[in-house]
Amino acid sequence: MNWDAIGAIGEVCGAIAVVVTLVYLAGQLRQNTRALQAASMDSTTQTSNDIRETIYSDPAVTKLYLDGLADPLGFEAVDRERFRLLLTNALWAIWNTYAQSELGGRDSWSSQRNLLFRILATPGSQWFWEQYATEFDPKFQLEVKSIIRELADLKAQKDLSD
């Protein structure tokens, strides 16, 4: 065997090693991406759970939440601010789910959109959104405006049928 043949065999072996390495790295990248998506989903879910627990575990907070959704202007300034902060936390958690779904990799937005739809159907959340929408990402603002339009259309249809 001459040196040219040995060199060619070395090049072929090197090329195979590069291909095997690239396949391995691609697999590791997919596995890492799945792990990051799972961690993100877990974090988002835990944040939402914490907010719900805050609301249901304390009857005073539950009352504040329900009364605020009905009529936040009926509150004294301190309770209106407490309601605003509670709703801010809830909507930030929903916005986080929206942002994660925009990044791709999971479609959890449709279920959260339904939750946001129910929340936005209340006078208190509409008051909140009119006052504080600019605290949220412009793309999320457009999504919320779309939901508010849907709600208005549903209300108009209901009014016509009554």
N, C-alpha and C. Protein backbone atom coordinates (compact mmCIF):
# COMPACT_ATOMS: atom_id res chain seq x y z
N MET A 1 0.85 -1.17 0.00
CA MET A 1 0.00 0.00 0.00
C MET A 1 0.90 1.23 0.00
N ASN A 2 0.55 2.18 -0.84
CA ASN A 2 1.38 3.38 -0.92
C ASN A 2 0.77 4.51 -0.06
N TRP A 3 1.53 5.56 0.03
CA TRP A 3 1.12 6.69 0.88
C TRP A 3 -0.14 7.37 0.37
N ASP A 4 -0.38 7.40 -0.91
CA ASP A 4 -1.59 8.00 -1.46
C ASP A 4 -2.83 7.24 -1.00
N ALA A 5 -2.75 5.92 -1.02
CA ALA A 5 -3.89 5.10 -0.58
C ALA A 5 -4.14 5.29 0.91
N ILE A 6 -3.08 5.33 1.68
CA ILE A 6 -3.22 5.54 3.13
C ILE A 6 -3.83 6.92 3.39
N GLY A 7 -3.42 7.93 2.65
CA GLY A 7 -3.98 9.28 2.79
C GLY A 7 -5.46 9.30 2.44
N ALA A 8 -5.85 8.61 1.38
CA ALA A 8 -7.26 8.57 0.97
C ALA A 8 -8.10 7.87 2.02
N ILE A 9 -7.59 6.78 2.57
CA ILE A 9 -8.33 6.07 3.64
C ILE A 9 -8.47 6.99 4.86
N GLY A 10 -7.45 7.72 5.17
CA GLY A 10 -7.51 8.67 6.29
C GLY A 10 -8.55 9.76 6.06
N GLU A 11 -8.62 10.25 4.85
CA GLU A 11 -9.62 11.28 4.52
C GLU A 11 -11.04 10.73 4.62
N VAL A 12 -11.25 9.52 4.15
CA VAL A 12 -12.58 8.89 4.23
C VAL A 12 -12.95 8.69 5.70
N CYS A 13 -12.01 8.19 6.48
CA CYS A 13 -12.28 7.98 7.91
C CYS A 13 -12.59 9.32 8.60
N GLY A 14 -11.85 10.36 8.23
CA GLY A 14 -12.10 11.69 8.80
C GLY A 14 -13.48 12.22 8.44
N ALA A 15 -13.87 12.01 7.17
CA ALA A 15 -15.19 12.47 6.72
C ALA A 15 -16.30 11.72 7.45
N ILE A 16 -16.12 10.41 7.64
CA ILE A 16 -17.12 9.61 8.38
C ILE A 16 -17.21 10.10 9.82
N ALA A 17 -16.07 10.39 10.42
CA ALA A 17 -16.06 10.88 11.80
C ALA A 17 -16.79 12.22 11.91
N VAL A 18 -16.61 13.09 10.92
CA VAL A 18 -17.30 14.39 10.92
C VAL A 18 -18.80 14.18 10.81
N VAL A 19 -19.25 13.30 9.92
CA VAL A 19 -20.69 13.04 9.74
C VAL A 19 -21.28 12.46 11.03
N VAL A 20 -20.59 11.48 11.63
CA VAL A 20 -21.07 10.88 12.88
C VAL A 20 -21.16 11.94 13.98
N THR A 21 -20.16 12.79 14.06
CA THR A 21 -20.16 13.86 15.07
C THR A 21 -21.33 14.82 14.84
N LEU A 22 -21.59 15.19 13.59
CA LEU A 22 -22.69 16.11 13.29
C LEU A 22 -24.05 15.47 13.62
N VAL A 23 -24.21 14.20 13.32
CA VAL A 23 -25.46 13.50 13.66
C VAL A 23 -25.63 13.46 15.18
N TYR A 24 -24.57 13.17 15.90
CA TYR A 24 -24.62 13.14 17.36
C TYR A 24 -24.98 14.51 17.91
N LEU A 25 -24.33 15.54 17.42
CA LEU A 25 -24.61 16.91 17.90
C LEU A 25 -26.04 17.33 17.58
N ALA A 26 -26.56 16.95 16.42
CA ALA A 26 -27.95 17.28 16.08
C ALA A 26 -28.90 16.61 17.07
N GLY A 27 -28.63 15.37 17.41
CA GLY A 27 -29.46 14.67 18.40
C GLY A 27 -29.39 15.34 19.76
N GLN A 28 -28.20 15.74 20.18
CA GLN A 28 -28.05 16.43 21.46
C GLN A 28 -28.78 17.77 21.47
N LEU A 29 -28.73 18.46 20.34
CA LEU A 29 -29.42 19.74 20.23
C LEU A 29 -30.94 19.56 20.35
N ARG A 30 -31.47 18.54 19.68
CA ARG A 30 -32.92 18.26 19.79
C ARG A 30 -33.29 17.91 21.23
N GLN A 31 -32.46 17.09 21.87
CA GLN A 31 -32.73 16.69 23.25
C GLN A 31 -32.68 17.91 24.18
N ASN A 32 -31.71 18.78 23.98
CA ASN A 32 -31.59 19.99 24.80
C ASN A 32 -32.78 20.92 24.57
N THR A 33 -33.21 21.04 23.32
CA THR A 33 -34.36 21.89 23.00
C THR A 33 -35.61 21.37 23.71
N ARG A 34 -35.82 20.06 23.67
CA ARG A 34 -36.98 19.48 24.37
C ARG A 34 -36.90 19.72 25.87
N ALA A 35 -35.71 19.60 26.43
CA ALA A 35 -35.54 19.83 27.87
C ALA A 35 -35.85 21.28 28.23
N LEU A 36 -35.38 22.22 27.40
CA LEU A 36 -35.66 23.63 27.65
C LEU A 36 -37.15 23.94 27.52
N GLN A 37 -37.80 23.33 26.53
CA GLN A 37 -39.24 23.54 26.37
C GLN A 37 -40.00 22.99 27.57
N ALA A 38 -39.58 21.83 28.05
CA ALA A 38 -40.24 21.24 29.22
C ALA A 38 -40.04 22.12 30.45
N ALA A 39 -38.85 22.65 30.64
CA ALA A 39 -38.58 23.54 31.77
C ALA A 39 -39.40 24.82 31.66
N SER A 40 -39.50 25.35 30.46
CA SER A 40 -40.30 26.56 30.24
C SER A 40 -41.77 26.30 30.55
N MET A 41 -42.28 25.18 30.07
CA MET A 41 -43.68 24.82 30.33
C MET A 41 -43.92 24.65 31.82
N ASP A 42 -42.98 23.99 32.50
CA ASP A 42 -43.11 23.78 33.94
C ASP A 42 -43.11 25.12 34.67
N SER A 43 -42.23 26.01 34.30
CA SER A 43 -42.15 27.32 34.94
C SER A 43 -43.43 28.13 34.71
N THR A 44 -43.92 28.12 33.48
CA THR A 44 -45.15 28.85 33.15
C THR A 44 -46.33 28.28 33.92
N THR A 45 -46.42 26.96 33.97
CA THR A 45 -47.51 26.31 34.69
C THR A 45 -47.43 26.61 36.18
N GLN A 46 -46.23 26.57 36.74
CA GLN A 46 -46.08 26.85 38.17
C GLN A 46 -46.47 28.29 38.50
N THR A 47 -46.10 29.22 37.64
CA THR A 47 -46.48 30.62 37.86
C THR A 47 -48.00 30.77 37.86
N SER A 48 -48.66 30.15 36.90
CA SER A 48 -50.12 30.21 36.83
C SER A 48 -50.75 29.55 38.06
N ASN A 49 -50.19 28.42 38.47
CA ASN A 49 -50.70 27.74 39.66
C ASN A 49 -50.55 28.61 40.90
N ASP A 50 -49.42 29.29 41.02
CA ASP A 50 -49.19 30.17 42.18
C ASP A 50 -50.22 31.30 42.23
N ILE A 51 -50.54 31.86 41.08
CA ILE A 51 -51.53 32.94 41.04
C ILE A 51 -52.90 32.41 41.43
N ARG A 52 -53.28 31.26 40.87
CA ARG A 52 -54.58 30.67 41.24
C ARG A 52 -54.63 30.35 42.73
N GLU A 53 -53.53 29.82 43.24
CA GLU A 53 -53.50 29.48 44.67
C GLU A 53 -53.65 30.74 45.52
N THR A 54 -53.02 31.82 45.10
CA THR A 54 -53.17 33.09 45.82
C THR A 54 -54.64 33.49 45.88
N ILE A 55 -55.34 33.28 44.78
CA ILE A 55 -56.74 33.69 44.72
C ILE A 55 -57.64 32.77 45.53
N TYR A 56 -57.47 31.46 45.40
CA TYR A 56 -58.41 30.56 46.06
C TYR A 56 -58.07 30.26 47.52
N SER A 57 -56.83 30.45 47.93
CA SER A 57 -56.46 30.06 49.29
C SER A 57 -56.85 31.09 50.35
N ASP A 58 -57.13 32.30 49.93
CA ASP A 58 -57.49 33.35 50.88
C ASP A 58 -58.84 33.94 50.47
N PRO A 59 -59.87 33.72 51.29
CA PRO A 59 -61.20 34.22 50.92
C PRO A 59 -61.23 35.73 50.66
N ALA A 60 -60.40 36.49 51.36
CA ALA A 60 -60.38 37.95 51.15
C ALA A 60 -59.84 38.27 49.75
N VAL A 61 -58.83 37.52 49.30
CA VAL A 61 -58.28 37.75 47.97
C VAL A 61 -59.28 37.27 46.91
N THR A 62 -59.96 36.15 47.19
CA THR A 62 -60.99 35.67 46.27
C THR A 62 -62.07 36.73 46.10
N LYS A 63 -62.49 37.31 47.20
CA LYS A 63 -63.52 38.37 47.15
C LYS A 63 -62.99 39.59 46.39
N LEU A 64 -61.77 39.98 46.67
CA LEU A 64 -61.16 41.12 45.97
C LEU A 64 -61.14 40.86 44.46
N TYR A 65 -60.76 39.66 44.07
CA TYR A 65 -60.69 39.29 42.66
C TYR A 65 -62.07 39.34 42.01
N LEU A 66 -63.03 38.69 42.63
CA LEU A 66 -64.38 38.65 42.06
C LEU A 66 -65.03 40.03 42.03
N ASP A 67 -64.90 40.78 43.12
CA ASP A 67 -65.48 42.14 43.15
C ASP A 67 -64.78 43.05 42.14
N GLY A 68 -63.46 42.89 42.01
CA GLY A 68 -62.71 43.70 41.05
C GLY A 68 -63.10 43.40 39.61
N LEU A 69 -63.32 42.12 39.31
CA LEU A 69 -63.76 41.78 37.95
C LEU A 69 -65.13 42.38 37.66
N ALA A 70 -65.95 42.49 38.69
CA ALA A 70 -67.30 43.04 38.51
C ALA A 70 -67.28 44.56 38.42
N ASP A 71 -66.53 45.22 39.33
CA ASP A 71 -66.56 46.69 39.36
C ASP A 71 -65.37 47.25 40.15
N PRO A 72 -64.22 47.43 39.51
CA PRO A 72 -63.06 47.93 40.24
C PRO A 72 -63.21 49.38 40.68
N LEU A 73 -64.07 50.12 40.03
CA LEU A 73 -64.25 51.53 40.42
C LEU A 73 -65.03 51.65 41.72
N GLY A 74 -65.64 50.57 42.16
CA GLY A 74 -66.34 50.57 43.43
C GLY A 74 -65.40 50.42 44.62
N PHE A 75 -64.14 50.17 44.35
CA PHE A 75 -63.14 50.00 45.41
C PHE A 75 -62.59 51.33 45.90
N GLU A 76 -62.13 51.31 47.14
CA GLU A 76 -61.26 52.39 47.62
C GLU A 76 -59.92 52.25 46.90
N ALA A 77 -59.10 53.27 46.93
CA ALA A 77 -57.84 53.29 46.17
C ALA A 77 -56.93 52.10 46.50
N VAL A 78 -56.83 51.72 47.77
CA VAL A 78 -55.93 50.63 48.17
C VAL A 78 -56.40 49.31 47.57
N ASP A 79 -57.69 49.01 47.67
CA ASP A 79 -58.19 47.75 47.11
C ASP A 79 -58.15 47.75 45.59
N ARG A 80 -58.37 48.89 44.97
CA ARG A 80 -58.26 48.96 43.51
C ARG A 80 -56.83 48.66 43.08
N GLU A 81 -55.85 49.16 43.84
CA GLU A 81 -54.46 48.88 43.53
C GLU A 81 -54.13 47.40 43.76
N ARG A 82 -54.65 46.83 44.83
CA ARG A 82 -54.45 45.39 45.07
C ARG A 82 -55.04 44.57 43.92
N PHE A 83 -56.23 44.95 43.47
CA PHE A 83 -56.85 44.25 42.34
C PHE A 83 -56.00 44.41 41.08
N ARG A 84 -55.52 45.61 40.84
CA ARG A 84 -54.68 45.86 39.66
C ARG A 84 -53.44 44.98 39.68
N LEU A 85 -52.78 44.88 40.83
CA LEU A 85 -51.58 44.06 40.93
C LEU A 85 -51.89 42.58 40.76
N LEU A 86 -53.00 42.13 41.30
CA LEU A 86 -53.42 40.74 41.14
C LEU A 86 -53.68 40.42 39.67
N LEU A 87 -54.40 41.30 39.00
CA LEU A 87 -54.70 41.09 37.59
C LEU A 87 -53.43 41.23 36.73
N THR A 88 -52.54 42.12 37.12
CA THR A 88 -51.26 42.24 36.40
C THR A 88 -50.52 40.91 36.45
N ASN A 89 -50.43 40.31 37.64
CA ASN A 89 -49.75 39.02 37.76
C ASN A 89 -50.41 37.96 36.90
N ALA A 90 -51.73 37.91 36.93
CA ALA A 90 -52.45 36.90 36.14
C ALA A 90 -52.21 37.10 34.65
N LEU A 91 -52.30 38.33 34.19
CA LEU A 91 -52.11 38.59 32.76
C LEU A 91 -50.66 38.44 32.33
N TRP A 92 -49.72 38.71 33.22
CA TRP A 92 -48.32 38.47 32.87
C TRP A 92 -48.08 36.98 32.68
N ALA A 93 -48.70 36.15 33.49
CA ALA A 93 -48.56 34.70 33.33
C ALA A 93 -49.15 34.26 31.98
N ILE A 94 -50.30 34.82 31.63
CA ILE A 94 -50.92 34.49 30.35
C ILE A 94 -50.06 35.01 29.20
N TRP A 95 -49.53 36.21 29.35
CA TRP A 95 -48.65 36.78 28.33
C TRP A 95 -47.41 35.90 28.15
N ASN A 96 -46.88 35.38 29.24
CA ASN A 96 -45.72 34.50 29.16
C ASN A 96 -46.04 33.28 28.31
N THR A 97 -47.22 32.69 28.50
CA THR A 97 -47.62 31.55 27.68
C THR A 97 -47.72 31.95 26.22
N TYR A 98 -48.29 33.12 25.97
CA TYR A 98 -48.40 33.63 24.60
C TYR A 98 -47.00 33.78 23.99
N ALA A 99 -46.09 34.40 24.73
CA ALA A 99 -44.74 34.63 24.22
C ALA A 99 -44.02 33.31 23.97
N GLN A 100 -44.18 32.34 24.86
CA GLN A 100 -43.54 31.04 24.67
C GLN A 100 -44.08 30.35 23.42
N SER A 101 -45.38 30.46 23.19
CA SER A 101 -45.94 29.81 22.00
C SER A 101 -45.49 30.53 20.73
N GLU A 102 -45.26 31.84 20.82
CA GLU A 102 -44.75 32.59 19.67
C GLU A 102 -43.33 32.15 19.31
N LEU A 103 -42.57 31.73 20.32
CA LEU A 103 -41.21 31.26 20.07
C LEU A 103 -41.20 29.89 19.40
N GLY A 104 -42.32 29.21 19.50
CA GLY A 104 -42.44 27.92 18.83
C GLY A 104 -42.18 26.76 19.78
N GLY A 105 -42.46 25.60 19.27
CA GLY A 105 -42.18 24.40 20.04
C GLY A 105 -43.34 23.83 20.81
N ARG A 106 -44.36 24.64 21.08
CA ARG A 106 -45.52 24.11 21.77
C ARG A 106 -46.72 25.00 21.49
N ASP A 107 -47.88 24.39 21.49
CA ASP A 107 -49.09 25.15 21.23
C ASP A 107 -49.98 25.11 22.46
N SER A 108 -49.58 25.84 23.47
CA SER A 108 -50.40 25.92 24.68
C SER A 108 -51.22 27.21 24.70
N TRP A 109 -51.06 28.03 23.68
CA TRP A 109 -51.74 29.32 23.66
C TRP A 109 -53.24 29.16 23.52
N SER A 110 -53.73 28.19 22.75
CA SER A 110 -55.17 28.09 22.51
C SER A 110 -55.94 27.90 23.82
N SER A 111 -55.42 27.11 24.75
CA SER A 111 -56.12 26.93 26.02
C SER A 111 -56.05 28.20 26.86
N GLN A 112 -54.89 28.86 26.86
CA GLN A 112 -54.76 30.09 27.63
C GLN A 112 -55.57 31.23 27.00
N ARG A 113 -55.72 31.19 25.69
CA ARG A 113 -56.54 32.20 25.01
C ARG A 113 -57.98 32.10 25.51
N ASN A 114 -58.47 30.88 25.68
CA ASN A 114 -59.82 30.69 26.20
C ASN A 114 -59.95 31.25 27.62
N LEU A 115 -58.93 31.05 28.43
CA LEU A 115 -58.92 31.61 29.78
C LEU A 115 -58.94 33.13 29.72
N LEU A 116 -58.08 33.70 28.87
CA LEU A 116 -58.04 35.16 28.73
C LEU A 116 -59.38 35.69 28.21
N PHE A 117 -60.01 34.96 27.32
CA PHE A 117 -61.33 35.34 26.80
C PHE A 117 -62.32 35.47 27.96
N ARG A 118 -62.34 34.47 28.86
CA ARG A 118 -63.26 34.52 30.01
C ARG A 118 -62.95 35.70 30.93
N ILE A 119 -61.68 35.93 31.16
CA ILE A 119 -61.30 37.04 32.05
C ILE A 119 -61.70 38.37 31.42
N LEU A 120 -61.42 38.53 30.12
CA LEU A 120 -61.71 39.80 29.45
C LEU A 120 -63.20 40.06 29.26
N ALA A 121 -64.02 39.07 29.51
CA ALA A 121 -65.47 39.26 29.39
C ALA A 121 -66.03 40.02 30.58
N THR A 122 -65.18 40.39 31.53
CA THR A 122 -65.65 41.08 32.73
C THR A 122 -65.36 42.57 32.66
N PRO A 123 -66.20 43.39 33.28
CA PRO A 123 -65.96 44.84 33.28
C PRO A 123 -64.62 45.23 33.92
N GLY A 124 -64.26 44.52 35.00
CA GLY A 124 -63.02 44.86 35.70
C GLY A 124 -61.78 44.63 34.87
N SER A 125 -61.75 43.55 34.11
CA SER A 125 -60.57 43.29 33.29
C SER A 125 -60.52 44.24 32.10
N GLN A 126 -61.68 44.64 31.60
CA GLN A 126 -61.68 45.61 30.51
C GLN A 126 -61.21 46.97 31.01
N TRP A 127 -61.61 47.34 32.22
CA TRP A 127 -61.10 48.57 32.84
C TRP A 127 -59.58 48.48 32.96
N PHE A 128 -59.12 47.35 33.49
CA PHE A 128 -57.68 47.15 33.65
C PHE A 128 -56.96 47.31 32.32
N TRP A 129 -57.48 46.67 31.28
CA TRP A 129 -56.80 46.69 29.99
C TRP A 129 -56.77 48.10 29.41
N GLU A 130 -57.85 48.85 29.56
CA GLU A 130 -57.87 50.23 29.06
C GLU A 130 -56.82 51.08 29.76
N GLN A 131 -56.58 50.82 31.04
CA GLN A 131 -55.64 51.62 31.82
C GLN A 131 -54.18 51.17 31.65
N TYR A 132 -53.95 49.86 31.48
CA TYR A 132 -52.59 49.33 31.63
C TYR A 132 -52.11 48.49 30.44
N ALA A 133 -52.77 48.56 29.32
CA ALA A 133 -52.38 47.74 28.16
C ALA A 133 -50.94 47.99 27.73
N THR A 134 -50.47 49.22 27.90
CA THR A 134 -49.12 49.55 27.44
C THR A 134 -48.02 48.88 28.26
N GLU A 135 -48.38 48.22 29.35
CA GLU A 135 -47.39 47.49 30.14
C GLU A 135 -47.07 46.13 29.51
N PHE A 136 -47.72 45.83 28.41
CA PHE A 136 -47.55 44.53 27.76
C PHE A 136 -46.97 44.72 26.36
N ASP A 137 -46.40 43.64 25.86
CA ASP A 137 -45.79 43.61 24.54
C ASP A 137 -46.81 43.99 23.46
N PRO A 138 -46.40 44.76 22.44
CA PRO A 138 -47.33 45.17 21.37
C PRO A 138 -48.03 44.01 20.67
N LYS A 139 -47.34 42.89 20.45
CA LYS A 139 -47.99 41.76 19.80
C LYS A 139 -49.08 41.17 20.70
N PHE A 140 -48.81 41.12 21.99
CA PHE A 140 -49.82 40.62 22.92
C PHE A 140 -50.99 41.60 22.99
N GLN A 141 -50.70 42.89 22.92
CA GLN A 141 -51.77 43.88 22.90
C GLN A 141 -52.71 43.65 21.71
N LEU A 142 -52.14 43.33 20.56
CA LEU A 142 -52.97 43.05 19.38
C LEU A 142 -53.82 41.81 19.59
N GLU A 143 -53.26 40.81 20.22
CA GLU A 143 -54.03 39.59 20.51
C GLU A 143 -55.20 39.90 21.45
N VAL A 144 -54.94 40.69 22.47
CA VAL A 144 -56.00 41.05 23.41
C VAL A 144 -57.07 41.89 22.71
N LYS A 145 -56.65 42.82 21.84
CA LYS A 145 -57.62 43.62 21.09
C LYS A 145 -58.50 42.72 20.23
N SER A 146 -57.91 41.69 19.66
CA SER A 146 -58.68 40.74 18.87
C SER A 146 -59.74 40.04 19.73
N ILE A 147 -59.36 39.64 20.91
CA ILE A 147 -60.31 38.99 21.82
C ILE A 147 -61.41 39.96 22.23
N ILE A 148 -61.04 41.20 22.51
CA ILE A 148 -62.04 42.20 22.90
C ILE A 148 -63.02 42.44 21.76
N ARG A 149 -62.53 42.45 20.51
CA ARG A 149 -63.43 42.59 19.35
C ARG A 149 -64.38 41.39 19.26
N GLU A 150 -63.86 40.20 19.49
CA GLU A 150 -64.71 39.01 19.49
C GLU A 150 -65.81 39.13 20.54
N LEU A 151 -65.42 39.59 21.72
CA LEU A 151 -66.40 39.76 22.80
C LEU A 151 -67.47 40.78 22.40
N ALA A 152 -67.04 41.88 21.79
CA ALA A 152 -67.99 42.91 21.36
C ALA A 152 -68.94 42.35 20.30
N ASP A 153 -68.39 41.56 19.37
CA ASP A 153 -69.24 40.95 18.34
C ASP A 153 -70.26 39.99 18.95
N LEU A 154 -69.80 39.20 19.91
CA LEU A 154 -70.73 38.26 20.58
C LEU A 154 -71.83 39.03 21.33
N LYS A 155 -71.44 40.12 21.98
CA LYS A 155 -72.42 40.93 22.71
C LYS A 155 -73.42 41.54 21.74
N ALA A 156 -72.94 42.05 20.61
CA ALA A 156 -73.84 42.65 19.60
C ALA A 156 -74.80 41.61 19.04
N GLN A 157 -74.32 40.40 18.79
CA GLN A 157 -75.18 39.33 18.31
C GLN A 157 -76.24 38.97 19.34
N LYS A 158 -75.82 38.93 20.60
CA LYS A 158 -76.76 38.61 21.68
C LYS A 158 -77.81 39.71 21.80
N ASP A 159 -77.38 40.96 21.70
CA ASP A 159 -78.31 42.09 21.80
C ASP A 159 -79.33 42.06 20.64
N LEU A 160 -78.89 41.65 19.47
CA LEU A 160 -79.78 41.57 18.32
C LEU A 160 -80.81 40.44 18.50
N SER A 161 -80.37 39.36 19.12
CA SER A 161 -81.29 38.22 19.28
C SER A 161 -82.26 38.40 20.45
N ASP A 162 -81.96 39.33 21.33
CA ASP A 162 -82.86 39.57 22.48
C ASP A 162 -84.06 40.39 22.12
